Amino acid sequence: DPENEIYLKSLELADR
């Protein structure tokens, strides 16, 4: 699901 990609991307952004 696209939402999953957004979720994973959000985690990457939050990690920075």
Protein backbone atom coordinates (compact mmCIF):
# COMPACT_ATOMS: atom_id res chain seq x y z
CA ASP A 1 0.00 0.00 0.00
CA PRO A 2 1.19 3.56 -0.74
CA GLU A 3 0.44 4.46 2.87
CA ASN A 4 3.08 1.98 3.95
CA GLU A 5 5.67 3.76 1.81
CA ILE A 6 4.68 7.10 3.31
CA TYR A 7 4.91 5.56 6.78
CA LEU A 8 8.38 4.20 6.14
CA LYS A 9 9.48 7.48 4.59
CA SER A 10 8.14 9.36 7.62
CA LEU A 11 10.30 7.19 9.87
CA GLU A 12 13.37 8.07 7.80
CA LEU A 13 12.59 11.78 7.99
CA ALA A 14 11.95 11.52 11.73
CA ASP A 15 15.27 9.73 12.17
CA ARG A 16 17.15 12.69 10.72
